[in-house]
Structure formats: structure tokens, C-alpha cells
Amino acid sequence: MTLAQRSNRIQAYFAELLGTGLLVAVVVGSGIMATNMSPDKGIDLLINTISTVFALALLIYLLGPISGAHFNPAVSVSEFLQKRLSGRDLLGYIPAQFLGGFLGAILANLMFKLPAINPSHHLRSGGNLLLGEVVATAGLLLVIQLIQNQGKGSVGPIVIAAWIGSAYFFTSSTSFANPAVTFARSFSNTFAGIDIRSVFTFVVAQLIGATIGTLLGRNLK
């Protein structure tokens, strides 16, 4: 590997860490801000959604050319299985995403004068919520596949953010759709948090959804 190749790989890993971290900071921070501003859960969800959609679109647009802007282990695994991401890069992306998400949660907590590590007590359980995660993640992976299959990568930031924004409202789980972000949100005992005991089943549902979305996308050109 040349020095330039090594530098590019490090940049890609850092982009995944930075992007996932900022995404989590936005999700958690806007959730805290929303509850501080209004006791209405509908308004809280709207504020959280708008902030997340704008930030996600910007992060994909700016960091996509560097790393592909996965910010999501489910996306990275899907790309690896379709031979669009090397095994070596997969082993770099996933730790970067989880670490970035964890740091993003700490950043959001500190910005609002909360303990840096603030474990969530917000249990999220029930088959309906897990079904919501399957649907949200399957839709996300399907959207990504269709964008790539149709050569429409330039609209990726808008289309992907649009799906997540919509899924915030129409899925029962409010669309976590990301194992790294789900894990990170367990460190925030706020509106956006999830109890660590709920993380495993959410991640399993997300991986099932990612598999479904990937398989659907492969058969739609």
C-alpha cells in the first residue's frame, strides 16, 4: 500500500467516525433542546426530525466523497456483501462508527450540562417497535440500493434524508435504523435515549431489515 492509499484509508475511517458522531450529537442534542422548549411530544418529535434530516443530508453531501458516508454498520455490511467495500475497510468502518456515535452522545450530553455518560432508562420493547425497525432499516437499504442501481448518487443526500425523516413519523419505533446510533443513544437518558437492555433486539431487527432491503434492491434495477 502506498502512502497516499494509506492516507486515503485513514481519512475514510475518520470521516465515518466524524459523520456518525455528529449525527448522534444532532439526534440527541435536538431531542434535549426539543423537550426543553416544549412539553408536547409531537412538537418534540418534529423538532428532532427536522434537525436530523438537515444534518444527515449535509453530512452525506460533504463526507460522501471521502468515505461513502455510511455512518451505519448495517450499510457497511451490506456494501461489503455486495463487494463494494473491502473486508479491511469494513473492519475499519464499524469500530469508527461505534466510537464516533459514543463520542457524539457524550458531546450532546455535555452541551446541555448533563453527565457525559448518562445511561438511558427509556425501555423500548414490543413486537410493534421491532417491526418498525425492520421496516425503517429495510426502506433505508432499499433506497440506497436503488440510488446506486439507477446511477442517481448525486441525489443521495436528499433522498436518504427524506426517507429517514418520513420514517421518524410513520414507524412505531421512530426509525433508529442504525446499530451504531442505537448503541450510542443508550448513553443519553433523554427524549432520544434507549435503555441498553433494548439495544440488542433493536439491532437484530435492524439487521433483519437491512437484509430484506438489500435483497429487494438487488432485484430492482
C-alpha atoms as a PDB file:
ATOM      1  CA  MET A   1       0.000   0.000   0.000  1.00  0.00           C
ATOM      2  CA  THR A   2       1.351   3.393  -0.951  1.00  0.00           C
ATOM      3  CA  LEU A   3       1.476   6.315   1.463  1.00  0.00           C
ATOM      4  CA  ALA A   4      -1.318   8.026  -0.470  1.00  0.00           C
ATOM      5  CA  GLN A   5      -3.537   4.938  -0.242  1.00  0.00           C
ATOM      6  CA  ARG A   6      -2.885   4.672   3.484  1.00  0.00           C
ATOM      7  CA  SER A   7      -3.726   8.338   3.933  1.00  0.00           C
ATOM      8  CA  ASN A   8      -6.957   7.977   1.967  1.00  0.00           C
ATOM      9  CA  ARG A   9      -7.999   4.985   4.081  1.00  0.00           C
ATOM     10  CA  ILE A  10      -7.335   6.849   7.330  1.00  0.00           C
ATOM     11  CA  GLN A  11      -9.332   9.806   6.026  1.00  0.00           C
ATOM     12  CA  ALA A  12     -12.231   7.488   5.209  1.00  0.00           C
ATOM     13  CA  TYR A  13     -12.223   5.956   8.674  1.00  0.00           C
ATOM     14  CA  PHE A  14     -12.081   9.378  10.280  1.00  0.00           C
ATOM     15  CA  ALA A  15     -14.930  10.587   8.064  1.00  0.00           C
ATOM     16  CA  GLU A  16     -17.051   7.682   9.309  1.00  0.00           C
ATOM     17  CA  LEU A  17     -16.169   8.472  12.928  1.00  0.00           C
ATOM     18  CA  LEU A  18     -16.843  12.184  12.474  1.00  0.00           C
ATOM     19  CA  GLY A  19     -20.047  11.732  10.499  1.00  0.00           C
ATOM     20  CA  THR A  20     -21.558   9.211  12.900  1.00  0.00           C
ATOM     21  CA  GLY A  21     -20.511  11.309  15.879  1.00  0.00           C
ATOM     22  CA  LEU A  22     -22.054  14.486  14.530  1.00  0.00           C
ATOM     23  CA  LEU A  23     -25.210  12.629  13.529  1.00  0.00           C
ATOM     24  CA  VAL A  24     -25.653  11.285  17.068  1.00  0.00           C
ATOM     25  CA  ALA A  25     -24.881  14.695  18.560  1.00  0.00           C
ATOM     26  CA  VAL A  26     -27.622  16.180  16.391  1.00  0.00           C
ATOM     27  CA  VAL A  27     -30.160  13.459  17.229  1.00  0.00           C
ATOM     28  CA  VAL A  28     -29.520  13.613  20.960  1.00  0.00           C
ATOM     29  CA  GLY A  29     -28.917  17.352  21.183  1.00  0.00           C
ATOM     30  CA  SER A  30     -32.018  18.312  19.228  1.00  0.00           C
ATOM     31  CA  GLY A  31     -34.025  15.870  21.341  1.00  0.00           C
ATOM     32  CA  ILE A  32     -32.846  17.574  24.532  1.00  0.00           C
ATOM     33  CA  MET A  33     -33.474  21.031  23.089  1.00  0.00           C
ATOM     34  CA  ALA A  34     -36.950  19.990  21.971  1.00  0.00           C
ATOM     35  CA  THR A  35     -38.006  18.782  25.418  1.00  0.00           C
ATOM     36  CA  ASN A  36     -36.574  21.944  26.956  1.00  0.00           C
ATOM     37  CA  MET A  37     -38.676  24.053  24.591  1.00  0.00           C
ATOM     38  CA  SER A  38     -41.983  22.193  24.662  1.00  0.00           C
ATOM     39  CA  PRO A  39     -43.843  19.575  26.731  1.00  0.00           C
ATOM     40  CA  ASP A  40     -45.710  18.464  23.587  1.00  0.00           C
ATOM     41  CA  LYS A  41     -44.248  15.170  22.355  1.00  0.00           C
ATOM     42  CA  GLY A  42     -45.479  15.802  18.829  1.00  0.00           C
ATOM     43  CA  ILE A  43     -43.604  19.077  18.647  1.00  0.00           C
ATOM     44  CA  ASP A  44     -40.559  17.425  20.226  1.00  0.00           C
ATOM     45  CA  LEU A  45     -40.567  14.755  17.530  1.00  0.00           C
ATOM     46  CA  LEU A  46     -40.970  17.371  14.801  1.00  0.00           C
ATOM     47  CA  ILE A  47     -38.005  19.402  16.066  1.00  0.00           C
ATOM     48  CA  ASN A  48     -35.900  16.255  16.401  1.00  0.00           C
ATOM     49  CA  THR A  49     -36.837  15.117  12.903  1.00  0.00           C
ATOM     50  CA  ILE A  50     -36.179  18.416  11.131  1.00  0.00           C
ATOM     51  CA  SER A  51     -32.775  18.814  12.766  1.00  0.00           C
ATOM     52  CA  THR A  52     -31.794  15.230  11.945  1.00  0.00           C
ATOM     53  CA  VAL A  53     -32.922  15.441   8.317  1.00  0.00           C
ATOM     54  CA  PHE A  54     -30.963  18.610   7.604  1.00  0.00           C
ATOM     55  CA  ALA A  55     -27.832  17.357   9.359  1.00  0.00           C
ATOM     56  CA  LEU A  56     -27.946  13.942   7.681  1.00  0.00           C
ATOM     57  CA  ALA A  57     -28.281  15.467   4.217  1.00  0.00           C
ATOM     58  CA  LEU A  58     -25.351  17.813   4.867  1.00  0.00           C
ATOM     59  CA  LEU A  59     -23.128  15.076   6.297  1.00  0.00           C
ATOM     60  CA  ILE A  60     -23.797  12.727   3.376  1.00  0.00           C
ATOM     61  CA  TYR A  61     -23.164  15.505   0.875  1.00  0.00           C
ATOM     62  CA  LEU A  62     -19.895  16.645   2.458  1.00  0.00           C
ATOM     63  CA  LEU A  63     -18.394  13.344   3.634  1.00  0.00           C
ATOM     64  CA  GLY A  64     -19.772  11.062   0.924  1.00  0.00           C
ATOM     65  CA  PRO A  65     -16.840  11.718  -1.441  1.00  0.00           C
ATOM     66  CA  ILE A  66     -14.397  10.721   1.313  1.00  0.00           C
ATOM     67  CA  SER A  67     -15.897   7.542   2.775  1.00  0.00           C
ATOM     68  CA  GLY A  68     -19.228   6.931   1.069  1.00  0.00           C
ATOM     69  CA  ALA A  69     -20.952   8.393   4.149  1.00  0.00           C
ATOM     70  CA  HIS A  70     -22.238   5.121   5.566  1.00  0.00           C
ATOM     71  CA  PHE A  71     -22.374   6.213   9.241  1.00  0.00           C
ATOM     72  CA  ASN A  72     -24.148   2.905   9.789  1.00  0.00           C
ATOM     73  CA  PRO A  73     -22.759  -0.626  10.303  1.00  0.00           C
ATOM     74  CA  ALA A  74     -25.783  -2.131   8.552  1.00  0.00           C
ATOM     75  CA  VAL A  75     -24.975  -0.131   5.425  1.00  0.00           C
ATOM     76  CA  SER A  76     -21.294  -1.050   5.612  1.00  0.00           C
ATOM     77  CA  VAL A  77     -22.053  -4.773   5.958  1.00  0.00           C
ATOM     78  CA  SER A  78     -24.436  -4.578   3.009  1.00  0.00           C
ATOM     79  CA  GLU A  79     -21.781  -2.847   0.900  1.00  0.00           C
ATOM     80  CA  PHE A  80     -19.216  -5.473   1.919  1.00  0.00           C
ATOM     81  CA  LEU A  81     -21.516  -8.370   0.975  1.00  0.00           C
ATOM     82  CA  GLN A  82     -22.028  -6.781  -2.438  1.00  0.00           C
ATOM     83  CA  LYS A  83     -18.257  -6.396  -2.837  1.00  0.00           C
ATOM     84  CA  ARG A  84     -18.387  -2.610  -2.873  1.00  0.00           C
ATOM     85  CA  LEU A  85     -16.397  -2.388   0.376  1.00  0.00           C
ATOM     86  CA  SER A  86     -13.312  -4.441   1.220  1.00  0.00           C
ATOM     87  CA  GLY A  87     -13.087  -6.611   4.308  1.00  0.00           C
ATOM     88  CA  ARG A  88     -10.251  -4.459   5.559  1.00  0.00           C
ATOM     89  CA  ASP A  89     -12.301  -1.315   5.242  1.00  0.00           C
ATOM     90  CA  LEU A  90     -15.299  -2.993   6.883  1.00  0.00           C
ATOM     91  CA  LEU A  91     -13.105  -3.720   9.906  1.00  0.00           C
ATOM     92  CA  GLY A  92     -12.135  -0.042   9.942  1.00  0.00           C
ATOM     93  CA  TYR A  93     -15.569   1.434   9.330  1.00  0.00           C
ATOM     94  CA  ILE A  94     -17.553  -0.387  12.008  1.00  0.00           C
ATOM     95  CA  PRO A  95     -15.345   0.484  15.029  1.00  0.00           C
ATOM     96  CA  ALA A  96     -15.110   4.060  13.742  1.00  0.00           C
ATOM     97  CA  GLN A  97     -18.907   4.290  13.548  1.00  0.00           C
ATOM     98  CA  PHE A  98     -19.468   2.911  17.047  1.00  0.00           C
ATOM     99  CA  LEU A  99     -16.746   5.065  18.577  1.00  0.00           C
ATOM    100  CA  GLY A 100     -17.988   8.142  16.738  1.00  0.00           C
ATOM    101  CA  GLY A 101     -21.540   7.542  17.926  1.00  0.00           C
ATOM    102  CA  PHE A 102     -20.406   7.135  21.529  1.00  0.00           C
ATOM    103  CA  LEU A 103     -18.395  10.364  21.389  1.00  0.00           C
ATOM    104  CA  GLY A 104     -21.332  12.163  19.770  1.00  0.00           C
ATOM    105  CA  ALA A 105     -23.620  11.177  22.654  1.00  0.00           C
ATOM    106  CA  ILE A 106     -21.060  12.445  25.164  1.00  0.00           C
ATOM    107  CA  LEU A 107     -20.766  15.731  23.257  1.00  0.00           C
ATOM    108  CA  ALA A 108     -24.534  16.259  23.252  1.00  0.00           C
ATOM    109  CA  ASN A 109     -24.799  15.468  26.962  1.00  0.00           C
ATOM    110  CA  LEU A 110     -22.046  17.907  27.848  1.00  0.00           C
ATOM    111  CA  MET A 111     -23.523  20.687  25.723  1.00  0.00           C
ATOM    112  CA  PHE A 112     -26.662  20.560  27.868  1.00  0.00           C
ATOM    113  CA  LYS A 113     -24.875  20.240  31.230  1.00  0.00           C
ATOM    114  CA  LEU A 114     -25.735  16.569  31.646  1.00  0.00           C
ATOM    115  CA  PRO A 115     -23.338  13.832  32.816  1.00  0.00           C
ATOM    116  CA  ALA A 116     -21.014  12.879  29.954  1.00  0.00           C
ATOM    117  CA  ILE A 117     -22.187   9.272  30.197  1.00  0.00           C
ATOM    118  CA  ASN A 118     -25.857   9.349  31.117  1.00  0.00           C
ATOM    119  CA  PRO A 119     -27.319   5.819  30.730  1.00  0.00           C
ATOM    120  CA  SER A 120     -30.845   5.806  29.378  1.00  0.00           C
ATOM    121  CA  HIS A 121     -33.745   4.247  31.296  1.00  0.00           C
ATOM    122  CA  HIS A 122     -36.095   4.540  28.311  1.00  0.00           C
ATOM    123  CA  LEU A 123     -37.134   0.948  27.633  1.00  0.00           C
ATOM    124  CA  ARG A 124     -38.284   0.375  24.068  1.00  0.00           C
ATOM    125  CA  SER A 125     -39.784  -3.078  23.744  1.00  0.00           C
ATOM    126  CA  GLY A 126     -42.596  -4.847  21.961  1.00  0.00           C
ATOM    127  CA  GLY A 127     -43.036  -6.578  18.640  1.00  0.00           C
ATOM    128  CA  ASN A 128     -44.600  -3.474  17.096  1.00  0.00           C
ATOM    129  CA  LEU A 129     -41.468  -1.399  17.745  1.00  0.00           C
ATOM    130  CA  LEU A 130     -39.201  -4.133  16.389  1.00  0.00           C
ATOM    131  CA  LEU A 131     -41.371  -4.366  13.277  1.00  0.00           C
ATOM    132  CA  GLY A 132     -40.971  -0.607  12.927  1.00  0.00           C
ATOM    133  CA  GLU A 133     -37.192  -1.016  12.988  1.00  0.00           C
ATOM    134  CA  VAL A 134     -37.334  -3.751  10.358  1.00  0.00           C
ATOM    135  CA  VAL A 135     -39.403  -1.504   8.092  1.00  0.00           C
ATOM    136  CA  ALA A 136     -37.268   1.606   8.693  1.00  0.00           C
ATOM    137  CA  THR A 137     -33.976  -0.178   8.040  1.00  0.00           C
ATOM    138  CA  ALA A 138     -35.280  -2.176   5.082  1.00  0.00           C
ATOM    139  CA  GLY A 139     -36.507   1.026   3.496  1.00  0.00           C
ATOM    140  CA  LEU A 140     -33.189   2.758   4.093  1.00  0.00           C
ATOM    141  CA  LEU A 141     -31.193  -0.034   2.465  1.00  0.00           C
ATOM    142  CA  LEU A 142     -33.679  -0.292  -0.396  1.00  0.00           C
ATOM    143  CA  VAL A 143     -33.353   3.439  -1.071  1.00  0.00           C
ATOM    144  CA  ILE A 144     -29.561   3.195  -1.056  1.00  0.00           C
ATOM    145  CA  GLN A 145     -29.617   0.210  -3.428  1.00  0.00           C
ATOM    146  CA  LEU A 146     -31.971   1.893  -5.867  1.00  0.00           C
ATOM    147  CA  ILE A 147     -29.899   5.083  -5.909  1.00  0.00           C
ATOM    148  CA  GLN A 148     -26.806   3.064  -6.795  1.00  0.00           C
ATOM    149  CA  ASN A 149     -28.558   0.786  -9.295  1.00  0.00           C
ATOM    150  CA  GLN A 150     -30.005   3.760 -11.146  1.00  0.00           C
ATOM    151  CA  GLY A 151     -26.854   5.863 -11.051  1.00  0.00           C
ATOM    152  CA  LYS A 152     -28.508   8.631  -9.056  1.00  0.00           C
ATOM    153  CA  GLY A 153     -25.828   9.102  -6.423  1.00  0.00           C
ATOM    154  CA  SER A 154     -26.000  12.880  -6.745  1.00  0.00           C
ATOM    155  CA  VAL A 155     -29.457  12.940  -5.137  1.00  0.00           C
ATOM    156  CA  GLY A 156     -28.430  10.554  -2.365  1.00  0.00           C
ATOM    157  CA  PRO A 157     -28.211  13.178   0.398  1.00  0.00           C
ATOM    158  CA  ILE A 158     -31.743  14.416  -0.269  1.00  0.00           C
ATOM    159  CA  VAL A 159     -33.385  11.045  -0.874  1.00  0.00           C
ATOM    160  CA  ILE A 160     -31.791   9.243   2.064  1.00  0.00           C
ATOM    161  CA  ALA A 161     -32.553  12.101   4.457  1.00  0.00           C
ATOM    162  CA  ALA A 162     -36.115  12.220   3.118  1.00  0.00           C
ATOM    163  CA  TRP A 163     -36.634   8.527   3.910  1.00  0.00           C
ATOM    164  CA  ILE A 164     -35.304   8.896   7.451  1.00  0.00           C
ATOM    165  CA  GLY A 165     -37.429  11.993   8.053  1.00  0.00           C
ATOM    166  CA  SER A 166     -40.536  10.237   6.835  1.00  0.00           C
ATOM    167  CA  ALA A 167     -39.774   7.080   8.831  1.00  0.00           C
ATOM    168  CA  TYR A 168     -39.437   9.134  12.025  1.00  0.00           C
ATOM    169  CA  PHE A 169     -43.171   9.734  11.752  1.00  0.00           C
ATOM    170  CA  PHE A 170     -44.672   6.648  10.134  1.00  0.00           C
ATOM    171  CA  THR A 171     -42.779   3.895  12.003  1.00  0.00           C
ATOM    172  CA  SER A 172     -43.674   2.969  15.562  1.00  0.00           C
ATOM    173  CA  SER A 173     -40.016   2.991  16.624  1.00  0.00           C
ATOM    174  CA  THR A 174     -39.263   6.471  15.169  1.00  0.00           C
ATOM    175  CA  SER A 175     -36.631   4.977  12.874  1.00  0.00           C
ATOM    176  CA  PHE A 176     -33.363   4.333  14.692  1.00  0.00           C
ATOM    177  CA  ALA A 177     -32.335   2.175  11.677  1.00  0.00           C
ATOM    178  CA  ASN A 178     -28.659   2.138  12.669  1.00  0.00           C
ATOM    179  CA  PRO A 179     -26.856  -0.179  15.143  1.00  0.00           C
ATOM    180  CA  ALA A 180     -24.106   2.340  15.979  1.00  0.00           C
ATOM    181  CA  VAL A 181     -26.569   5.171  16.579  1.00  0.00           C
ATOM    182  CA  THR A 182     -28.813   2.867  18.617  1.00  0.00           C
ATOM    183  CA  PHE A 183     -25.905   1.868  20.862  1.00  0.00           C
ATOM    184  CA  ALA A 184     -24.815   5.496  21.249  1.00  0.00           C
ATOM    185  CA  ARG A 185     -28.298   6.647  22.225  1.00  0.00           C
ATOM    186  CA  SER A 186     -28.214   4.263  25.192  1.00  0.00           C
ATOM    187  CA  PHE A 187     -25.809   6.760  26.813  1.00  0.00           C
ATOM    188  CA  SER A 188     -28.364   9.562  26.854  1.00  0.00           C
ATOM    189  CA  ASN A 189     -31.219   9.427  29.357  1.00  0.00           C
ATOM    190  CA  THR A 190     -33.257  11.886  27.321  1.00  0.00           C
ATOM    191  CA  PHE A 191     -36.048  12.044  24.742  1.00  0.00           C
ATOM    192  CA  ALA A 192     -33.806  10.314  22.171  1.00  0.00           C
ATOM    193  CA  GLY A 193     -32.433   7.674  24.522  1.00  0.00           C
ATOM    194  CA  ILE A 194     -32.888   3.920  24.606  1.00  0.00           C
ATOM    195  CA  ASP A 195     -32.221   1.605  27.537  1.00  0.00           C
ATOM    196  CA  ILE A 196     -29.216  -0.637  26.946  1.00  0.00           C
ATOM    197  CA  ARG A 197     -31.498  -3.636  27.561  1.00  0.00           C
ATOM    198  CA  SER A 198     -33.462  -2.709  24.431  1.00  0.00           C
ATOM    199  CA  VAL A 199     -30.424  -2.240  22.193  1.00  0.00           C
ATOM    200  CA  PHE A 200     -29.800  -5.890  21.292  1.00  0.00           C
ATOM    201  CA  THR A 201     -33.309  -6.590  19.987  1.00  0.00           C
ATOM    202  CA  PHE A 202     -33.340  -3.290  18.097  1.00  0.00           C
ATOM    203  CA  VAL A 203     -30.049  -4.168  16.411  1.00  0.00           C
ATOM    204  CA  VAL A 204     -31.313  -7.645  15.476  1.00  0.00           C
ATOM    205  CA  ALA A 205     -34.415  -6.064  13.926  1.00  0.00           C
ATOM    206  CA  GLN A 206     -32.227  -3.583  12.050  1.00  0.00           C
ATOM    207  CA  LEU A 207     -30.035  -6.347  10.634  1.00  0.00           C
ATOM    208  CA  ILE A 208     -33.111  -8.265   9.505  1.00  0.00           C
ATOM    209  CA  GLY A 209     -34.426  -5.124   7.870  1.00  0.00           C
ATOM    210  CA  ALA A 210     -31.069  -4.432   6.221  1.00  0.00           C
ATOM    211  CA  THR A 211     -31.059  -7.939   4.752  1.00  0.00           C
ATOM    212  CA  ILE A 212     -34.567  -7.508   3.380  1.00  0.00           C
ATOM    213  CA  GLY A 213     -33.784  -4.087   1.922  1.00  0.00           C
ATOM    214  CA  THR A 214     -30.588  -5.301   0.309  1.00  0.00           C
ATOM    215  CA  LEU A 215     -32.274  -8.330  -1.271  1.00  0.00           C
ATOM    216  CA  LEU A 216     -35.145  -6.205  -2.577  1.00  0.00           C
ATOM    217  CA  GLY A 217     -32.735  -3.666  -4.016  1.00  0.00           C
ATOM    218  CA  ARG A 218     -30.681  -6.301  -5.805  1.00  0.00           C
ATOM    219  CA  ASN A 219     -33.764  -7.400  -7.698  1.00  0.00           C
ATOM    220  CA  LEU A 220     -34.905  -3.936  -8.695  1.00  0.00           C
ATOM    221  CA  LYS A 221     -32.765  -2.175 -11.311  1.00  0.00           C
END
